[in-house]
């Protein structure tokens, strides 16, 4: 399972290069190549969006206590924010 996960991660890192090469050399008249390219492109895009949304959710969960600082009206400068964070 670790090997498969490692292969998928390496493939995901080089996917933009794979898509660029496919776009440059593929036969645009062949519907198989065009559909394969579109499936890879949309799949890669979906995975990127999912990873961004998951990171956003995780960041908000980890920094939930900092969200209260955004509501606080007594904060005028960045120094005020750092003082309040240091107090916590």
PDB file of N, CA and C in Angstrom:
ATOM      1  N   UNK A   1       0.821  -1.195   0.000  1.00  0.00           N
ATOM      2  CA  UNK A   1       0.000   0.000   0.000  1.00  0.00           C
ATOM      3  C   UNK A   1       0.865   1.260   0.000  1.00  0.00           C
ATOM      4  N   UNK A   2       1.986   1.216   0.749  1.00  0.00           N
ATOM      5  CA  UNK A   2       2.886   2.375   0.782  1.00  0.00           C
ATOM      6  C   UNK A   2       3.506   2.626  -0.587  1.00  0.00           C
ATOM      7  N   UNK A   3       3.801   1.562  -1.299  1.00  0.00           N
ATOM      8  CA  UNK A   3       4.422   1.696  -2.610  1.00  0.00           C
ATOM      9  C   UNK A   3       3.443   2.343  -3.589  1.00  0.00           C
ATOM     10  N   UNK A   4       2.204   1.905  -3.561  1.00  0.00           N
ATOM     11  CA  UNK A   4       1.183   2.472  -4.445  1.00  0.00           C
ATOM     12  C   UNK A   4       0.968   3.945  -4.121  1.00  0.00           C
ATOM     13  N   UNK A   5       0.911   4.268  -2.835  1.00  0.00           N
ATOM     14  CA  UNK A   5       0.733   5.655  -2.411  1.00  0.00           C
ATOM     15  C   UNK A   5       1.914   6.510  -2.881  1.00  0.00           C
ATOM     16  N   UNK A   6       3.116   5.988  -2.781  1.00  0.00           N
ATOM     17  CA  UNK A   6       4.312   6.711  -3.220  1.00  0.00           C
ATOM     18  C   UNK A   6       4.278   6.948  -4.730  1.00  0.00           C
ATOM     19  N   UNK A   7       3.863   5.942  -5.479  1.00  0.00           N
ATOM     20  CA  UNK A   7       3.794   6.071  -6.937  1.00  0.00           C
ATOM     21  C   UNK A   7       2.761   7.128  -7.327  1.00  0.00           C
ATOM     22  N   UNK A   8       1.609   7.106  -6.661  1.00  0.00           N
ATOM     23  CA  UNK A   8       0.556   8.081  -6.960  1.00  0.00           C
ATOM     24  C   UNK A   8       1.030   9.496  -6.642  1.00  0.00           C
ATOM     25  N   UNK A   9       1.733   9.670  -5.524  1.00  0.00           N
ATOM     26  CA  UNK A   9       2.237  11.004  -5.174  1.00  0.00           C
ATOM     27  C   UNK A   9       3.266  11.493  -6.179  1.00  0.00           C
ATOM     28  N   UNK A  10       4.149  10.616  -6.623  1.00  0.00           N
ATOM     29  CA  UNK A  10       5.144  11.015  -7.619  1.00  0.00           C
ATOM     30  C   UNK A  10       4.477  11.355  -8.944  1.00  0.00           C
ATOM     31  N   UNK A  11       3.469  10.568  -9.319  1.00  0.00           N
ATOM     32  CA  UNK A  11       2.758  10.832 -10.556  1.00  0.00           C
ATOM     33  C   UNK A  11       2.007  12.161 -10.473  1.00  0.00           C
ATOM     34  N   UNK A  12       1.460  12.457  -9.311  1.00  0.00           N
ATOM     35  CA  UNK A  12       0.727  13.703  -9.120  1.00  0.00           C
ATOM     36  C   UNK A  12       1.656  14.906  -9.241  1.00  0.00           C
ATOM     37  N   UNK A  13       2.904  14.750  -8.809  1.00  0.00           N
ATOM     38  CA  UNK A  13       3.865  15.854  -8.898  1.00  0.00           C
ATOM     39  C   UNK A  13       4.267  16.146 -10.341  1.00  0.00           C
ATOM     40  N   UNK A  14       4.323  15.122 -11.177  1.00  0.00           N
ATOM     41  CA  UNK A  14       4.747  15.321 -12.562  1.00  0.00           C
ATOM     42  C   UNK A  14       3.556  15.437 -13.525  1.00  0.00           C
ATOM     43  N   UNK A  15       2.341  15.399 -13.004  1.00  0.00           N
ATOM     44  CA  UNK A  15       1.158  15.450 -13.863  1.00  0.00           C
ATOM     45  C   UNK A  15       1.095  16.703 -14.739  1.00  0.00           C
ATOM     46  N   UNK A  16       1.466  17.903 -14.244  1.00  0.00           N
ATOM     47  CA  UNK A  16       1.453  19.052 -15.157  1.00  0.00           C
ATOM     48  C   UNK A  16       2.375  18.857 -16.358  1.00  0.00           C
ATOM     49  N   UNK A  17       3.526  18.250 -16.138  1.00  0.00           N
ATOM     50  CA  UNK A  17       4.447  17.989 -17.246  1.00  0.00           C
ATOM     51  C   UNK A  17       3.857  16.951 -18.206  1.00  0.00           C
ATOM     52  N   UNK A  18       3.228  15.923 -17.658  1.00  0.00           N
ATOM     53  CA  UNK A  18       2.588  14.899 -18.486  1.00  0.00           C
ATOM     54  C   UNK A  18       1.492  15.520 -19.341  1.00  0.00           C
ATOM     55  N   UNK A  19       0.674  16.373 -18.730  1.00  0.00           N
ATOM     56  CA  UNK A  19      -0.408  17.017 -19.475  1.00  0.00           C
ATOM     57  C   UNK A  19       0.133  17.953 -20.556  1.00  0.00           C
ATOM     58  N   UNK A  20       1.211  18.662 -20.257  1.00  0.00           N
ATOM     59  CA  UNK A  20       1.810  19.552 -21.242  1.00  0.00           C
ATOM     60  C   UNK A  20       2.351  18.770 -22.428  1.00  0.00           C
ATOM     61  N   UNK A  21       3.034  17.673 -22.161  1.00  0.00           N
ATOM     62  CA  UNK A  21       3.567  16.839 -23.241  1.00  0.00           C
ATOM     63  C   UNK A  21       2.435  16.229 -24.052  1.00  0.00           C
ATOM     64  N   UNK A  22       1.392  15.748 -23.349  1.00  0.00           N
ATOM     65  CA  UNK A  22       0.248  15.182 -24.068  1.00  0.00           C
ATOM     66  C   UNK A  22      -0.403  16.217 -24.975  1.00  0.00           C
ATOM     67  N   UNK A  23      -0.529  17.438 -24.474  1.00  0.00           N
ATOM     68  CA  UNK A  23      -1.169  18.485 -25.256  1.00  0.00           C
ATOM     69  C   UNK A  23      -0.342  18.808 -26.504  1.00  0.00           C
ATOM     70  N   UNK A  24       0.974  18.719 -26.388  1.00  0.00           N
ATOM     71  CA  UNK A  24       1.843  19.069 -27.512  1.00  0.00           C
ATOM     72  C   UNK A  24       1.917  17.968 -28.570  1.00  0.00           C
ATOM     73  N   UNK A  25       1.864  16.711 -28.164  1.00  0.00           N
ATOM     74  CA  UNK A  25       2.129  15.639 -29.124  1.00  0.00           C
ATOM     75  C   UNK A  25       0.926  14.781 -29.470  1.00  0.00           C
ATOM     76  N   UNK A  26      -0.199  14.957 -28.820  1.00  0.00           N
ATOM     77  CA  UNK A  26      -1.313  14.044 -29.070  1.00  0.00           C
ATOM     78  C   UNK A  26      -2.007  14.361 -30.394  1.00  0.00           C
ATOM     79  N   UNK A  27      -2.628  13.335 -30.924  1.00  0.00           N
ATOM     80  CA  UNK A  27      -3.404  13.473 -32.158  1.00  0.00           C
ATOM     81  C   UNK A  27      -4.783  14.016 -31.789  1.00  0.00           C
ATOM     82  N   UNK A  28      -5.040  15.241 -32.191  1.00  0.00           N
ATOM     83  CA  UNK A  28      -6.296  15.892 -31.796  1.00  0.00           C
ATOM     84  C   UNK A  28      -7.502  15.354 -32.553  1.00  0.00           C
ATOM     85  N   UNK A  29      -7.283  14.603 -33.586  1.00  0.00           N
ATOM     86  CA  UNK A  29      -8.389  14.010 -34.343  1.00  0.00           C
ATOM     87  C   UNK A  29      -8.822  12.669 -33.778  1.00  0.00           C
ATOM     88  N   UNK A  30      -8.034  12.102 -32.895  1.00  0.00           N
ATOM     89  CA  UNK A  30      -8.359  10.813 -32.290  1.00  0.00           C
ATOM     90  C   UNK A  30      -9.183  11.056 -31.018  1.00  0.00           C
ATOM     91  N   UNK A  31     -10.445  10.645 -31.005  1.00  0.00           N
ATOM     92  CA  UNK A  31     -11.288  10.921 -29.834  1.00  0.00           C
ATOM     93  C   UNK A  31     -10.807  10.215 -28.562  1.00  0.00           C
ATOM     94  N   UNK A  32     -10.107   9.093 -28.707  1.00  0.00           N
ATOM     95  CA  UNK A  32      -9.589   8.390 -27.526  1.00  0.00           C
ATOM     96  C   UNK A  32      -8.550   9.241 -26.800  1.00  0.00           C
ATOM     97  N   UNK A  33      -7.598   9.796 -27.550  1.00  0.00           N
ATOM     98  CA  UNK A  33      -6.566  10.619 -26.927  1.00  0.00           C
ATOM     99  C   UNK A  33      -7.138  11.905 -26.328  1.00  0.00           C
ATOM    100  N   UNK A  34      -8.072  12.502 -27.038  1.00  0.00           N
ATOM    101  CA  UNK A  34      -8.681  13.738 -26.544  1.00  0.00           C
ATOM    102  C   UNK A  34      -9.466  13.465 -25.263  1.00  0.00           C
ATOM    103  N   UNK A  35     -10.240  12.379 -25.252  1.00  0.00           N
ATOM    104  CA  UNK A  35     -11.015  12.064 -24.045  1.00  0.00           C
ATOM    105  C   UNK A  35     -10.102  11.667 -22.890  1.00  0.00           C
ATOM    106  N   UNK A  36      -9.020  10.941 -23.162  1.00  0.00           N
ATOM    107  CA  UNK A  36      -8.067  10.592 -22.103  1.00  0.00           C
ATOM    108  C   UNK A  36      -7.419  11.851 -21.522  1.00  0.00           C
ATOM    109  N   UNK A  37      -7.041  12.778 -22.399  1.00  0.00           N
ATOM    110  CA  UNK A  37      -6.447  14.034 -21.945  1.00  0.00           C
ATOM    111  C   UNK A  37      -7.432  14.813 -21.068  1.00  0.00           C
ATOM    112  N   UNK A  38      -8.680  14.912 -21.506  1.00  0.00           N
ATOM    113  CA  UNK A  38      -9.680  15.657 -20.736  1.00  0.00           C
ATOM    114  C   UNK A  38      -9.977  14.988 -19.393  1.00  0.00           C
ATOM    115  N   UNK A  39     -10.024  13.670 -19.381  1.00  0.00           N
ATOM    116  CA  UNK A  39     -10.260  12.953 -18.118  1.00  0.00           C
ATOM    117  C   UNK A  39      -9.111  13.206 -17.152  1.00  0.00           C
ATOM    118  N   UNK A  40      -7.865  13.118 -17.637  1.00  0.00           N
ATOM    119  CA  UNK A  40      -6.707  13.388 -16.785  1.00  0.00           C
ATOM    120  C   UNK A  40      -6.704  14.835 -16.292  1.00  0.00           C
ATOM    121  N   UNK A  41      -7.025  15.775 -17.185  1.00  0.00           N
ATOM    122  CA  UNK A  41      -7.029  17.184 -16.825  1.00  0.00           C
ATOM    123  C   UNK A  41      -8.085  17.487 -15.764  1.00  0.00           C
ATOM    124  N   UNK A  42      -9.310  17.016 -15.980  1.00  0.00           N
ATOM    125  CA  UNK A  42     -10.370  17.283 -15.017  1.00  0.00           C
ATOM    126  C   UNK A  42     -10.152  16.527 -13.706  1.00  0.00           C
ATOM    127  N   UNK A  43      -9.597  15.329 -13.791  1.00  0.00           N
ATOM    128  CA  UNK A  43      -9.281  14.581 -12.570  1.00  0.00           C
ATOM    129  C   UNK A  43      -8.209  15.276 -11.745  1.00  0.00           C
ATOM    130  N   UNK A  44      -7.167  15.733 -12.408  1.00  0.00           N
ATOM    131  CA  UNK A  44      -6.093  16.450 -11.731  1.00  0.00           C
ATOM    132  C   UNK A  44      -6.620  17.739 -11.096  1.00  0.00           C
ATOM    133  N   UNK A  45      -7.465  18.453 -11.834  1.00  0.00           N
ATOM    134  CA  UNK A  45      -8.048  19.693 -11.316  1.00  0.00           C
ATOM    135  C   UNK A  45      -8.932  19.414 -10.100  1.00  0.00           C
ATOM    136  N   UNK A  46      -9.727  18.364 -10.167  1.00  0.00           N
ATOM    137  CA  UNK A  46     -10.597  18.010  -9.040  1.00  0.00           C
ATOM    138  C   UNK A  46      -9.791  17.655  -7.795  1.00  0.00           C
ATOM    139  N   UNK A  47      -8.706  16.929  -7.992  1.00  0.00           N
ATOM    140  CA  UNK A  47      -7.852  16.564  -6.857  1.00  0.00           C
ATOM    141  C   UNK A  47      -7.206  17.813  -6.254  1.00  0.00           C
ATOM    142  N   UNK A  48      -6.741  18.725  -7.103  1.00  0.00           N
ATOM    143  CA  UNK A  48      -6.146  19.968  -6.586  1.00  0.00           C
ATOM    144  C   UNK A  48      -7.160  20.779  -5.781  1.00  0.00           C
ATOM    145  N   UNK A  49      -8.362  20.911  -6.296  1.00  0.00           N
ATOM    146  CA  UNK A  49      -9.395  21.664  -5.588  1.00  0.00           C
ATOM    147  C   UNK A  49      -9.745  20.992  -4.272  1.00  0.00           C
ATOM    148  N   UNK A  50      -9.847  19.670  -4.272  1.00  0.00           N
ATOM    149  CA  UNK A  50     -10.152  18.947  -3.038  1.00  0.00           C
ATOM    150  C   UNK A  50      -9.052  19.129  -2.000  1.00  0.00           C
ATOM    151  N   UNK A  51      -7.799  19.109  -2.445  1.00  0.00           N
ATOM    152  CA  UNK A  51      -6.691  19.300  -1.503  1.00  0.00           C
ATOM    153  C   UNK A  51      -6.690  20.713  -0.926  1.00  0.00           C
ATOM    154  N   UNK A  52      -7.007  21.702  -1.743  1.00  0.00           N
ATOM    155  CA  UNK A  52      -7.057  23.082  -1.258  1.00  0.00           C
ATOM    156  C   UNK A  52      -8.179  23.258  -0.239  1.00  0.00           C
ATOM    157  N   UNK A  53      -9.343  22.704  -0.545  1.00  0.00           N
ATOM    158  CA  UNK A  53     -10.476  22.824   0.386  1.00  0.00           C
ATOM    159  C   UNK A  53     -10.209  22.085   1.693  1.00  0.00           C
ATOM    160  N   UNK A  54      -9.542  20.941   1.609  1.00  0.00           N
ATOM    161  CA  UNK A  54      -9.208  20.187   2.825  1.00  0.00           C
ATOM    162  C   UNK A  54      -8.190  20.953   3.667  1.00  0.00           C
ATOM    163  N   UNK A  55      -7.198  21.574   3.010  1.00  0.00           N
ATOM    164  CA  UNK A  55      -6.211  22.369   3.744  1.00  0.00           C
ATOM    165  C   UNK A  55      -6.860  23.572   4.405  1.00  0.00           C
ATOM    166  N   UNK A  56      -7.817  24.180   3.714  1.00  0.00           N
ATOM    167  CA  UNK A  56      -8.540  25.320   4.290  1.00  0.00           C
ATOM    168  C   UNK A  56      -9.327  24.891   5.516  1.00  0.00           C
ATOM    169  N   UNK A  57     -10.001  23.769   5.414  1.00  0.00           N
ATOM    170  CA  UNK A  57     -10.786  23.254   6.540  1.00  0.00           C
ATOM    171  C   UNK A  57      -9.876  22.919   7.722  1.00  0.00           C
ATOM    172  N   UNK A  58      -8.757  22.294   7.432  1.00  0.00           N
ATOM    173  CA  UNK A  58      -7.805  21.927   8.486  1.00  0.00           C
ATOM    174  C   UNK A  58      -7.218  23.172   9.152  1.00  0.00           C
ATOM    175  N   UNK A  59      -6.908  24.205   8.344  1.00  0.00           N
ATOM    176  CA  UNK A  59      -6.346  25.423   8.894  1.00  0.00           C
ATOM    177  C   UNK A  59      -7.335  26.084   9.835  1.00  0.00           C
ATOM    178  N   UNK A  60      -8.606  26.136   9.451  1.00  0.00           N
ATOM    179  CA  UNK A  60      -9.607  26.754  10.309  1.00  0.00           C
ATOM    180  C   UNK A  60      -9.825  25.951  11.589  1.00  0.00           C
ATOM    181  N   UNK A  61      -9.703  24.623  11.505  1.00  0.00           N
ATOM    182  CA  UNK A  61      -9.838  23.811  12.716  1.00  0.00           C
ATOM    183  C   UNK A  61      -8.660  24.029  13.650  1.00  0.00           C
ATOM    184  N   UNK A  62      -7.462  24.139  13.098  1.00  0.00           N
ATOM    185  CA  UNK A  62      -6.277  24.318  13.937  1.00  0.00           C
ATOM    186  C   UNK A  62      -6.205  25.719  14.533  1.00  0.00           C
ATOM    187  N   UNK A  63      -6.718  26.708  13.849  1.00  0.00           N
ATOM    188  CA  UNK A  63      -6.619  28.093  14.288  1.00  0.00           C
ATOM    189  C   UNK A  63      -7.978  28.674  14.663  1.00  0.00           C
ATOM    190  N   UNK A  64      -8.807  27.857  15.244  1.00  0.00           N
ATOM    191  CA  UNK A  64     -10.148  28.289  15.599  1.00  0.00           C
ATOM    192  C   UNK A  64     -10.122  29.412  16.637  1.00  0.00           C
ATOM    193  N   UNK A  65      -9.157  29.373  17.525  1.00  0.00           N
ATOM    194  CA  UNK A  65      -9.075  30.415  18.550  1.00  0.00           C
ATOM    195  C   UNK A  65      -8.673  31.772  17.969  1.00  0.00           C
ATOM    196  N   UNK A  66      -8.014  31.784  16.807  1.00  0.00           N
ATOM    197  CA  UNK A  66      -7.627  33.045  16.188  1.00  0.00           C
ATOM    198  C   UNK A  66      -8.797  33.717  15.466  1.00  0.00           C
ATOM    199  N   UNK A  67      -9.852  32.964  15.190  1.00  0.00           N
ATOM    200  CA  UNK A  67     -11.006  33.536  14.491  1.00  0.00           C
ATOM    201  C   UNK A  67     -11.686  34.602  15.333  1.00  0.00           C
ATOM    202  N   UNK A  68     -11.603  34.464  16.646  1.00  0.00           N
ATOM    203  CA  UNK A  68     -12.217  35.450  17.531  1.00  0.00           C
ATOM    204  C   UNK A  68     -11.526  36.812  17.412  1.00  0.00           C
ATOM    205  N   UNK A  69     -10.255  36.816  17.041  1.00  0.00           N
ATOM    206  CA  UNK A  69      -9.518  38.078  16.909  1.00  0.00           C
ATOM    207  C   UNK A  69     -10.048  38.917  15.749  1.00  0.00           C
ATOM    208  N   UNK A  70     -10.592  38.273  14.740  1.00  0.00           N
ATOM    209  CA  UNK A  70     -11.135  39.008  13.615  1.00  0.00           C
ATOM    210  C   UNK A  70     -12.397  39.767  13.972  1.00  0.00           C
ATOM    211  N   UNK A  71     -13.101  39.333  14.998  1.00  0.00           N
ATOM    212  CA  UNK A  71     -14.346  39.972  15.426  1.00  0.00           C
ATOM    213  C   UNK A  71     -14.066  41.094  16.423  1.00  0.00           C
ATOM    214  N   UNK A  72     -12.926  41.016  17.100  1.00  0.00           N
ATOM    215  CA  UNK A  72     -12.588  41.968  18.157  1.00  0.00           C
ATOM    216  C   UNK A  72     -12.398  43.372  17.575  1.00  0.00           C
ATOM    217  N   UNK A  73     -13.202  44.339  18.019  1.00  0.00           N
ATOM    218  CA  UNK A  73     -13.149  45.712  17.500  1.00  0.00           C
ATOM    219  C   UNK A  73     -12.034  46.538  18.133  1.00  0.00           C
ATOM    220  N   UNK A  74     -11.420  46.044  19.206  1.00  0.00           N
ATOM    221  CA  UNK A  74     -10.373  46.820  19.877  1.00  0.00           C
ATOM    222  C   UNK A  74      -9.015  46.691  19.177  1.00  0.00           C
ATOM    223  N   UNK A  75      -8.927  45.851  18.162  1.00  0.00           N
ATOM    224  CA  UNK A  75      -7.665  45.648  17.446  1.00  0.00           C
ATOM    225  C   UNK A  75      -7.564  46.661  16.315  1.00  0.00           C
ATOM    226  N   UNK A  76      -6.514  47.494  16.381  1.00  0.00           N
ATOM    227  CA  UNK A  76      -6.294  48.497  15.340  1.00  0.00           C
ATOM    228  C   UNK A  76      -5.048  48.200  14.503  1.00  0.00           C
ATOM    229  N   UNK A  77      -4.029  47.632  15.121  1.00  0.00           N
ATOM    230  CA  UNK A  77      -2.778  47.398  14.412  1.00  0.00           C
ATOM    231  C   UNK A  77      -2.343  45.952  14.570  1.00  0.00           C
ATOM    232  N   UNK A  78      -1.336  45.588  13.819  1.00  0.00           N
ATOM    233  CA  UNK A  78      -0.786  44.234  13.912  1.00  0.00           C
ATOM    234  C   UNK A  78      -0.165  44.007  15.283  1.00  0.00           C
ATOM    235  N   UNK A  79       0.357  45.051  15.893  1.00  0.00           N
ATOM    236  CA  UNK A  79       0.923  44.930  17.237  1.00  0.00           C
ATOM    237  C   UNK A  79      -0.130  44.520  18.256  1.00  0.00           C
ATOM    238  N   UNK A  80      -1.356  45.036  18.099  1.00  0.00           N
ATOM    239  CA  UNK A  80      -2.442  44.638  18.995  1.00  0.00           C
ATOM    240  C   UNK A  80      -2.746  43.149  18.870  1.00  0.00           C
ATOM    241  N   UNK A  81      -2.702  42.660  17.647  1.00  0.00           N
ATOM    242  CA  UNK A  81      -2.971  41.229  17.425  1.00  0.00           C
ATOM    243  C   UNK A  81      -1.884  40.380  18.075  1.00  0.00           C
ATOM    244  N   UNK A  82      -0.623  40.770  17.885  1.00  0.00           N
ATOM    245  CA  UNK A  82       0.457  39.964  18.467  1.00  0.00           C
ATOM    246  C   UNK A  82       0.416  39.994  19.989  1.00  0.00           C
ATOM    247  N   UNK A  83       0.029  41.127  20.574  1.00  0.00           N
ATOM    248  CA  UNK A  83      -0.086  41.198  22.038  1.00  0.00           C
ATOM    249  C   UNK A  83      -1.185  40.261  22.535  1.00  0.00           C
ATOM    250  N   UNK A  84      -2.310  40.222  21.823  1.00  0.00           N
ATOM    251  CA  UNK A  84      -3.404  39.359  22.243  1.00  0.00           C
ATOM    252  C   UNK A  84      -3.059  37.895  22.075  1.00  0.00           C
ATOM    253  N   UNK A  85      -2.312  37.576  21.013  1.00  0.00           N
ATOM    254  CA  UNK A  85      -1.895  36.190  20.804  1.00  0.00           C
ATOM    255  C   UNK A  85      -0.906  35.771  21.873  1.00  0.00           C
ATOM    256  N   UNK A  86       0.014  36.676  22.254  1.00  0.00           N
ATOM    257  CA  UNK A  86       0.994  36.361  23.299  1.00  0.00           C
ATOM    258  C   UNK A  86       0.321  36.136  24.650  1.00  0.00           C
ATOM    259  N   UNK A  87      -0.774  36.836  24.925  1.00  0.00           N
ATOM    260  CA  UNK A  87      -1.488  36.651  26.179  1.00  0.00           C
ATOM    261  C   UNK A  87      -2.115  35.260  26.265  1.00  0.00           C
ATOM    262  N   UNK A  88      -2.484  34.709  25.116  1.00  0.00           N
ATOM    263  CA  UNK A  88      -3.109  33.381  25.109  1.00  0.00           C
ATOM    264  C   UNK A  88      -2.027  32.369  25.277  1.00  0.00           C
TER     265      UNK A  88
END
